[in-house]
């Protein structure tokens, strides 16, 4: 389980970037890399840490500049700048797991492709992303999740599907597409019973069978440290799912890390989603990268089409695109920071 740490500031976004300064000092980074390599049981830790310190620092510094520039830029070029910033942050993370990166030219590709020829009446949310065998994304996926690339290689993901899985976009997604796949969870305690409270609408995915839902929650849980059970507690328009976990664990740790039916947003709130085989095994960091790749390619290679999308009053995609691009400026660096420090860091207002 990852630890959860709250950092309070008058400017949470700036505080997040200030935290990255930890990775801009040579002695600090060298020790960080050496410790990380030792934890990952990599040989020659001192040699690799010495070799990779400058590379790691420049990945971080360049990423910051891309994100800072994107924040001040027009939507016409903003996705491309963010995408390059994402790539540098991902490369920094990869370097902590694979000290020989890049070991061959194959890993320098993007690792995903999109449709080369766009259809008439093109709609962004209807476009597809296909995962390749080699490249930045497959390598990042295997190092982040410890799953083989075969889990996602060759899979095609609709942009609409990917957008539906980001908790920060759930209100906008629901407003546009009139459907909901992410449901907020509340933690409650009553008569010494701890339970999760979620909208009854979530049972629509399980033919209104609470026992079936509870069974599925237990089937896919990554740890044996807790158990879900059908709770007797009742609340209007809510279903209750008991969990035999100490309430304090929720304050200090992420007990649902790795569970495909749970996700957490950058403010530390949990959401429940229905399980559909391997379709929901993608971490939010991967989802962000996939969507921004598509936007970046539109921005760079489909300039006229991109202009029509963002400046046309008839495009329903523009609302979600704008929302996604702006929220990713805040969420993606935070997610990478979490992965580097191996904890959930929540930056919040004082």
Foldseek 3Di string as FASTA:
>chain_A
DFWEAEDADQDLLVVLLVVCVLLQDQVSQLVLLLVLCVVLVHPPSNVLSVVCSVVLNVLSVQLVVLLVVLVVDDPLQNLQSNLSSLLSLLVSLLCSNDSCPPVDCQQAAQQKDWDPDADPVGAQQATKIAGAQHYSLLSSVCSLQVDHSVLRHGDIDGLLLLQLLAPLCQVVNCVLVVDHFKWFWDWDADPNWIKIKTFQVQCVVVVSDVQVVQVVQQVQQPDPPKGWDQDPDDDPRIGIITMPDDPVCLVTADRRPQRLQWDAFLQGTIIGGDDDPSSSNDHNLSSLNRSSVVVSCCSPPVSVVNCCQCVPPPHPVNVVVVSSSVVCSRGNSQVSVCSSVVHRYHYYHD
